[in-house]
Amino acid sequence: MTSLPSIDDEQYQNHILRGVSRTFALTIPQLPEALRRVIGNAYLLCRITDTIEDDNALTSEQTRQLSQIFSEVVCGNTSAEEFADMLYPLLSDHTIPAEHDLIKNTPAVIRITHSFNSAQRHALERCVRIMGQGMSDYQETESLQGLKDLSSMNQYCYYVAGVVGEMLTELFCDYSQEINHHKSTLMKLSVSFGQGLQMTNILKDIWDDHKRGACWLPQDIFLKNGFDLSDLQPGNTDIRFQAGLAELLGVAKGHLQDALVYTSMIPSQEKGIRRFCLWAIGMAILTLDKINQHLDFSESTQVKISRRSVKATIVTTSLLASQDWALNLLFKLTSRNLPDADIHKGIYLNDQIKDQ
């Protein structure tokens, strides 16, 4: 049985959050105090899962095995110390120092995990299990050929981000009866919210992923525009490729529109939760707009939004956090140059996957 978390564990969680994610270190403190601790912990659990999947020194078999073991650690069935002792020596220089430190200190993170109520623990356990299984499946098919179609991309985004959206929704519903009243609608929208953010990352990181031998773009969208992803090279000026890219920008925009609907369903007095959502949506829309202006970009730094843009997003959305009409107007203005796409054709995954 895991011992109770100590003050040192809590301090470590707050410290390492800043080391592994500047964005979440910024947004999590906006949340109500009752949610900060559990969502900060949830992010670290996802980051550990992500570290297992991303370290290229691990074989596919090791990745799958370690993901399964970590899922058992989160559930309280396996020792966090044994897991850390097993994974830490296997990590390569590909994994950043802060993530090395996080893996080494997995027991501190898990002690906090095991202090949550049963609803919170169930949400975290489910997320880690589905994410680990799904990411392992996709890692085994990773190549420069891209994914088969948009449906495959939807499923990949679900495993990487949609399931995180569901977990956050579970935590929000556990925190507030008013939010829980809209749970079924919020759960559906949360998958779309996650997909919008993940597609933004995929589009921004096309060339970083390409360098390491991966492509998460859907073949069917590009073949429809007359381009084969096998021919993809950095700085591609082929208008057929750019047409496919533009189409995906429209799909991502549609999902972020759902994210705004999701945020508008959070009670207006819950400004902290709204800010948490709005900052992510705002930065994603600005990133998509920058990609749209530079469809021939060849590295992610060229489409990275400026610090000034980040600050402007934070200030503007914070001021308007409780004003739905103003947020809708702001979304229309900032996304006006992006293509449109109908995303509500078979966007949600089948119940068999969703009910795991």
Protein backbone atom coordinates (compact mmCIF):
# COMPACT_ATOMS: atom_id res chain seq x y z
CA MET A 1 0.00 0.00 0.00
CA THR A 2 1.28 3.47 -0.93
CA SER A 3 2.17 5.78 1.96
CA LEU A 4 0.53 9.21 2.29
CA PRO A 5 2.09 12.10 0.34
CA SER A 6 4.42 14.43 2.23
CA ILE A 7 5.01 18.17 1.93
CA ASP A 8 8.15 17.28 -0.05
CA ASP A 9 6.02 15.33 -2.55
CA GLU A 10 3.72 18.32 -3.02
CA GLN A 11 6.68 20.66 -3.47
CA TYR A 12 8.25 18.27 -5.97
CA GLN A 13 5.04 18.12 -8.03
CA ASN A 14 4.86 21.93 -8.24
CA HIS A 15 8.57 22.16 -9.08
CA ILE A 16 8.67 19.49 -11.82
CA LEU A 17 5.55 20.85 -13.54
CA ARG A 18 7.56 23.97 -14.39
CA GLY A 19 10.37 21.78 -15.71
CA VAL A 20 8.33 19.59 -18.06
CA SER A 21 5.75 22.09 -19.34
CA ARG A 22 5.85 25.88 -19.34
CA THR A 23 2.30 25.98 -20.74
CA PHE A 24 0.70 23.83 -18.05
CA ALA A 25 2.81 25.47 -15.34
CA LEU A 26 1.05 28.65 -16.51
CA THR A 27 -2.52 27.34 -16.91
CA ILE A 28 -2.92 24.91 -13.99
CA PRO A 29 -2.53 27.66 -11.32
CA GLN A 30 -5.58 29.37 -12.90
CA LEU A 31 -7.80 26.50 -11.79
CA PRO A 32 -9.76 26.51 -8.52
CA GLU A 33 -7.63 25.29 -5.63
CA ALA A 34 -9.68 22.07 -5.37
CA LEU A 35 -8.64 21.12 -8.91
CA ARG A 36 -5.03 22.32 -9.15
CA ARG A 37 -3.47 19.44 -7.26
CA VAL A 38 -5.31 16.62 -9.08
CA ILE A 39 -4.94 18.14 -12.56
CA GLY A 40 -1.26 18.90 -11.96
CA ASN A 41 -0.81 15.27 -10.93
CA ALA A 42 -2.83 14.03 -13.92
CA TYR A 43 -0.59 16.00 -16.27
CA LEU A 44 2.53 14.39 -14.76
CA LEU A 45 1.03 10.89 -15.14
CA CYS A 46 0.37 11.64 -18.83
CA ARG A 47 3.89 13.02 -19.18
CA ILE A 48 5.37 9.79 -17.75
CA THR A 49 3.28 7.78 -20.25
CA ASP A 50 4.47 10.10 -23.03
CA THR A 51 8.11 9.70 -21.96
CA ILE A 52 7.81 5.90 -22.25
CA GLU A 53 6.38 6.26 -25.76
CA ASP A 54 8.82 8.92 -26.97
CA ASP A 55 12.21 7.58 -25.92
CA ASN A 56 13.62 6.02 -29.10
CA ALA A 57 16.12 3.88 -27.16
CA LEU A 58 13.23 1.63 -26.06
CA THR A 59 12.06 -1.21 -28.30
CA SER A 60 8.36 -1.52 -29.17
CA GLU A 61 8.15 -4.49 -26.82
CA GLN A 62 9.76 -2.55 -23.95
CA THR A 63 7.46 0.42 -24.60
CA ARG A 64 4.32 -1.71 -24.46
CA GLN A 65 5.50 -3.62 -21.37
CA LEU A 66 6.51 -0.46 -19.47
CA SER A 67 3.20 1.25 -20.38
CA GLN A 68 1.29 -1.71 -18.97
CA ILE A 69 3.42 -1.75 -15.81
CA PHE A 70 2.91 2.00 -15.31
CA SER A 71 -0.84 1.56 -15.66
CA GLU A 72 -0.67 -1.01 -12.85
CA VAL A 73 1.42 1.42 -10.78
CA VAL A 74 -1.26 4.10 -11.14
CA CYS A 75 -3.92 1.56 -10.11
CA GLY A 76 -1.88 0.66 -7.02
CA ASN A 77 -1.16 -2.92 -8.10
CA THR A 78 2.60 -2.51 -8.74
CA SER A 79 5.39 -0.71 -6.89
CA ALA A 80 6.27 2.77 -8.21
CA GLU A 81 9.84 2.26 -6.94
CA GLU A 82 10.25 -0.92 -8.99
CA PHE A 83 8.88 0.83 -12.09
CA ALA A 84 11.26 3.80 -11.67
CA ASP A 85 14.25 1.48 -11.09
CA MET A 86 13.32 -0.42 -14.26
CA LEU A 87 12.77 2.55 -16.61
CA TYR A 88 15.25 5.20 -15.40
CA PRO A 89 18.46 3.38 -16.53
CA LEU A 90 16.94 2.72 -19.98
CA LEU A 91 16.29 6.38 -20.82
CA SER A 92 18.44 7.97 -23.52
CA ASP A 93 19.61 11.56 -24.14
CA HIS A 94 16.56 11.94 -26.39
CA THR A 95 14.57 12.36 -23.17
CA ILE A 96 15.09 15.80 -21.60
CA PRO A 97 16.73 16.09 -18.13
CA ALA A 98 13.46 17.18 -16.46
CA GLU A 99 11.78 13.99 -17.71
CA HIS A 100 14.71 11.87 -16.45
CA ASP A 101 14.11 13.52 -13.07
CA LEU A 102 10.35 12.92 -13.28
CA ILE A 103 10.83 9.19 -13.95
CA LYS A 104 13.30 8.92 -11.07
CA ASN A 105 10.74 10.54 -8.76
CA THR A 106 7.69 8.59 -9.96
CA PRO A 107 7.03 7.34 -6.37
CA ALA A 108 6.50 10.94 -5.15
CA VAL A 109 3.98 11.58 -7.94
CA ILE A 110 2.16 8.29 -7.29
CA ARG A 111 1.85 8.94 -3.54
CA ILE A 112 -0.17 12.04 -4.45
CA THR A 113 -2.21 10.08 -7.05
CA HIS A 114 -3.23 7.55 -4.42
CA SER A 115 -4.50 10.28 -2.06
CA PHE A 116 -7.38 11.31 -4.36
CA ASN A 117 -11.02 10.27 -4.02
CA SER A 118 -12.32 7.23 -5.93
CA ALA A 119 -13.90 9.23 -8.80
CA GLN A 120 -10.68 11.17 -9.36
CA ARG A 121 -8.56 8.02 -9.23
CA HIS A 122 -10.83 6.21 -11.67
CA ALA A 123 -10.56 9.10 -14.15
CA LEU A 124 -6.74 9.11 -13.92
CA GLU A 125 -6.43 5.32 -14.12
CA ARG A 126 -8.68 5.10 -17.19
CA CYS A 127 -6.79 7.86 -18.99
CA VAL A 128 -3.35 6.33 -18.38
CA ARG A 129 -4.53 2.87 -19.44
CA ILE A 130 -6.17 3.94 -22.71
CA MET A 131 -3.42 6.41 -23.59
CA GLY A 132 -0.65 3.85 -22.99
CA GLN A 133 -2.38 1.10 -25.00
CA GLY A 134 -3.29 3.38 -27.90
CA MET A 135 0.07 5.13 -28.16
CA SER A 136 1.90 1.77 -28.12
CA ASP A 137 -0.29 0.54 -30.99
CA TYR A 138 0.43 3.61 -33.09
CA GLN A 139 4.15 3.66 -32.26
CA GLU A 140 4.48 0.17 -33.77
CA THR A 141 3.14 1.45 -37.11
CA GLU A 142 5.09 4.76 -37.06
CA SER A 143 6.49 5.63 -40.51
CA LEU A 144 6.94 8.42 -43.04
CA GLN A 145 4.00 7.11 -45.07
CA GLY A 146 1.48 8.88 -42.83
CA LEU A 147 -1.73 7.47 -41.38
CA LYS A 148 -4.22 5.72 -43.66
CA ASP A 149 -7.00 8.30 -43.45
CA LEU A 150 -8.62 11.05 -41.40
CA SER A 151 -10.46 8.44 -39.34
CA SER A 152 -7.10 6.96 -38.28
CA MET A 153 -5.90 10.45 -37.38
CA ASN A 154 -9.06 10.99 -35.31
CA GLN A 155 -8.35 7.77 -33.43
CA TYR A 156 -4.67 8.69 -32.88
CA CYS A 157 -5.74 12.11 -31.55
CA TYR A 158 -8.22 10.40 -29.23
CA TYR A 159 -5.51 8.21 -27.68
CA VAL A 160 -3.09 11.12 -27.28
CA ALA A 161 -5.43 13.98 -26.34
CA GLY A 162 -9.16 13.14 -26.55
CA VAL A 163 -8.94 10.75 -23.62
CA VAL A 164 -7.21 13.54 -21.65
CA GLY A 165 -10.17 15.79 -22.43
CA GLU A 166 -12.51 13.12 -21.07
CA MET A 167 -10.40 12.79 -17.92
CA LEU A 168 -10.45 16.57 -17.33
CA THR A 169 -14.23 16.58 -17.82
CA GLU A 170 -14.61 13.78 -15.24
CA LEU A 171 -12.57 15.86 -12.80
CA PHE A 172 -14.55 19.04 -13.52
CA CYS A 173 -17.83 17.10 -13.02
CA ASP A 174 -16.58 15.63 -9.73
CA TYR A 175 -15.73 19.16 -8.59
CA SER A 176 -19.03 20.82 -9.56
CA GLN A 177 -22.62 19.55 -9.59
CA GLU A 178 -23.54 22.36 -12.00
CA ILE A 179 -20.91 21.17 -14.50
CA ASN A 180 -21.92 17.54 -13.91
CA HIS A 181 -25.44 18.40 -15.09
CA HIS A 182 -24.06 18.76 -18.67
CA LYS A 183 -21.70 15.78 -18.45
CA SER A 184 -22.85 13.75 -21.49
CA THR A 185 -22.54 16.73 -23.88
CA LEU A 186 -19.27 17.88 -22.33
CA MET A 187 -17.75 14.40 -22.68
CA LYS A 188 -18.42 14.38 -26.44
CA LEU A 189 -17.13 17.92 -26.90
CA SER A 190 -14.03 17.14 -24.82
CA VAL A 191 -12.87 14.59 -27.42
CA SER A 192 -13.19 17.24 -30.11
CA PHE A 193 -11.43 19.79 -27.86
CA GLY A 194 -8.51 17.38 -27.41
CA GLN A 195 -8.38 16.69 -31.14
CA GLY A 196 -8.21 20.40 -31.98
CA LEU A 197 -5.21 20.90 -29.70
CA GLN A 198 -3.48 17.71 -30.87
CA MET A 199 -4.01 18.47 -34.58
CA THR A 200 -2.47 21.90 -33.98
CA ASN A 201 0.60 20.18 -32.50
CA ILE A 202 0.76 17.66 -35.36
CA LEU A 203 0.59 20.40 -38.01
CA LYS A 204 3.12 22.59 -36.20
CA ASP A 205 5.53 19.66 -35.69
CA ILE A 206 5.31 18.07 -39.18
CA TRP A 207 9.00 18.58 -39.88
CA ASP A 208 10.27 17.75 -36.37
CA ASP A 209 8.36 14.44 -36.60
CA HIS A 210 9.63 13.88 -40.16
CA LYS A 211 13.25 14.14 -38.96
CA ARG A 212 12.70 11.28 -36.53
CA GLY A 213 10.91 9.12 -39.10
CA ALA A 214 7.27 9.78 -38.22
CA CYS A 215 4.30 11.33 -40.01
CA TRP A 216 0.84 11.66 -38.42
CA LEU A 217 -0.86 13.22 -41.45
CA PRO A 218 -3.76 11.32 -43.13
CA GLN A 219 -2.92 9.96 -46.59
CA ASP A 220 -6.48 10.27 -47.94
CA ILE A 221 -6.67 14.06 -47.53
CA PHE A 222 -3.46 14.54 -49.52
CA LEU A 223 -4.17 11.87 -52.17
CA LYS A 224 -7.50 13.62 -52.81
CA ASN A 225 -5.47 16.73 -53.58
CA GLY A 226 -3.07 14.74 -55.81
CA PHE A 227 -0.13 14.49 -53.40
CA ASP A 228 1.58 11.35 -52.05
CA LEU A 229 2.98 11.76 -48.52
CA SER A 230 5.88 9.45 -49.49
CA ASP A 231 7.23 12.42 -51.49
CA LEU A 232 7.15 14.77 -48.52
CA GLN A 233 10.27 16.89 -47.96
CA PRO A 234 10.91 19.94 -45.71
CA GLY A 235 10.06 23.30 -47.25
CA ASN A 236 7.62 21.69 -49.67
CA THR A 237 6.23 24.27 -52.10
CA ASP A 238 3.96 21.80 -53.94
CA ILE A 239 0.54 23.46 -54.05
CA ARG A 240 -1.12 20.02 -53.85
CA PHE A 241 0.54 19.39 -50.48
CA GLN A 242 -0.38 22.88 -49.30
CA ALA A 243 -4.00 22.28 -50.35
CA GLY A 244 -4.10 19.17 -48.14
CA LEU A 245 -2.49 21.10 -45.30
CA ALA A 246 -5.07 23.89 -45.63
CA GLU A 247 -7.88 21.33 -45.47
CA LEU A 248 -6.50 19.97 -42.18
CA LEU A 249 -6.25 23.52 -40.81
CA GLY A 250 -10.00 23.80 -41.44
CA VAL A 251 -10.65 20.51 -39.61
CA ALA A 252 -8.55 21.65 -36.64
CA LYS A 253 -10.41 24.99 -36.58
CA GLY A 254 -13.73 23.11 -36.47
CA HIS A 255 -12.58 21.12 -33.43
CA LEU A 256 -11.43 24.30 -31.69
CA GLN A 257 -14.88 25.77 -32.37
CA ASP A 258 -16.23 22.78 -30.40
CA ALA A 259 -13.69 23.60 -27.70
CA LEU A 260 -15.20 27.07 -27.39
CA VAL A 261 -18.70 25.57 -27.12
CA TYR A 262 -17.33 23.29 -24.37
CA THR A 263 -15.87 26.28 -22.52
CA SER A 264 -19.13 28.23 -22.83
CA MET A 265 -20.93 25.36 -21.06
CA ILE A 266 -18.73 25.83 -17.99
CA PRO A 267 -20.61 28.15 -15.55
CA SER A 268 -19.55 31.77 -16.11
CA GLN A 269 -18.58 32.16 -12.45
CA GLU A 270 -15.94 29.42 -12.87
CA LYS A 271 -13.51 31.87 -14.44
CA GLY A 272 -10.46 29.79 -13.47
CA ILE A 273 -11.62 26.72 -15.43
CA ARG A 274 -12.64 28.96 -18.32
CA ARG A 275 -9.21 30.63 -18.40
CA PHE A 276 -7.56 27.18 -18.32
CA CYS A 277 -9.51 26.26 -21.47
CA LEU A 278 -9.44 29.63 -23.23
CA TRP A 279 -5.69 30.14 -23.06
CA ALA A 280 -5.17 26.78 -24.78
CA ILE A 281 -7.78 27.55 -27.47
CA GLY A 282 -6.40 31.03 -28.11
CA MET A 283 -2.80 29.88 -28.53
CA ALA A 284 -3.90 27.01 -30.80
CA ILE A 285 -5.93 29.31 -33.10
CA LEU A 286 -3.02 31.74 -33.40
CA THR A 287 -0.69 28.84 -34.26
CA LEU A 288 -3.07 27.57 -36.97
CA ASP A 289 -3.30 31.09 -38.39
CA LYS A 290 0.49 31.36 -38.50
CA ILE A 291 0.77 28.00 -40.32
CA ASN A 292 -1.88 29.22 -42.77
CA GLN A 293 0.27 32.27 -43.51
CA HIS A 294 3.39 30.11 -44.03
CA LEU A 295 2.20 26.90 -45.70
CA ASP A 296 5.73 26.42 -47.05
CA PHE A 297 7.35 26.43 -43.57
CA SER A 298 10.18 23.94 -43.02
CA GLU A 299 10.62 23.94 -39.24
CA SER A 300 8.34 24.47 -36.26
CA THR A 301 10.14 27.61 -35.04
CA GLN A 302 8.84 29.44 -38.14
CA VAL A 303 5.22 29.00 -37.01
CA LYS A 304 5.74 29.38 -33.28
CA ILE A 305 3.67 32.25 -31.88
CA SER A 306 5.53 35.11 -30.20
CA ARG A 307 5.61 35.82 -26.48
CA ARG A 308 3.70 39.01 -27.20
CA SER A 309 0.91 36.94 -28.82
CA VAL A 310 0.83 34.61 -25.80
CA LYS A 311 0.53 37.59 -23.43
CA ALA A 312 -2.17 39.18 -25.58
CA THR A 313 -4.13 35.89 -25.58
CA ILE A 314 -3.88 35.64 -21.80
CA VAL A 315 -4.93 39.25 -21.15
CA THR A 316 -7.79 39.31 -23.68
CA THR A 317 -9.37 35.96 -22.81
CA SER A 318 -9.01 36.65 -19.08
CA LEU A 319 -10.87 39.96 -19.44
CA LEU A 320 -13.63 38.32 -21.49
CA ALA A 321 -13.70 34.96 -19.65
CA SER A 322 -17.36 35.20 -18.58
CA GLN A 323 -18.69 36.95 -21.72
CA ASP A 324 -19.77 34.25 -24.21
CA TRP A 325 -20.83 36.70 -26.95
CA ALA A 326 -17.45 38.44 -26.78
CA LEU A 327 -15.54 35.13 -26.83
CA ASN A 328 -17.48 34.02 -29.93
CA LEU A 329 -16.70 37.31 -31.65
CA LEU A 330 -13.02 37.03 -30.71
CA PHE A 331 -12.88 33.47 -32.09
CA LYS A 332 -14.45 34.59 -35.39
CA LEU A 333 -12.00 37.47 -35.72
CA THR A 334 -8.85 35.46 -34.95
CA SER A 335 -9.88 32.50 -37.13
CA ARG A 336 -11.40 34.47 -40.02
CA ASN A 337 -8.55 33.64 -42.46
CA LEU A 338 -8.62 29.89 -41.76
CA PRO A 339 -10.52 27.50 -44.06
CA ASP A 340 -13.81 25.98 -42.86
CA ALA A 341 -14.59 22.26 -42.68
CA ASP A 342 -17.58 20.16 -41.59
CA ILE A 343 -16.15 18.03 -38.80
CA HIS A 344 -19.38 16.50 -37.52
CA LYS A 345 -19.37 13.57 -39.92
CA GLY A 346 -18.34 10.52 -37.90
CA ILE A 347 -16.01 12.51 -35.67
CA TYR A 348 -16.65 10.64 -32.42
CA LEU A 349 -15.14 7.23 -31.96
CA ASN A 350 -17.27 4.16 -31.60
CA ASP A 351 -18.69 3.25 -28.21
CA GLN A 352 -16.45 0.21 -27.91
CA ILE A 353 -13.36 2.43 -27.72
CA LYS A 354 -15.05 5.18 -25.70
CA ASP A 355 -16.33 2.82 -22.99
CA GLN A 356 -12.98 1.21 -22.17
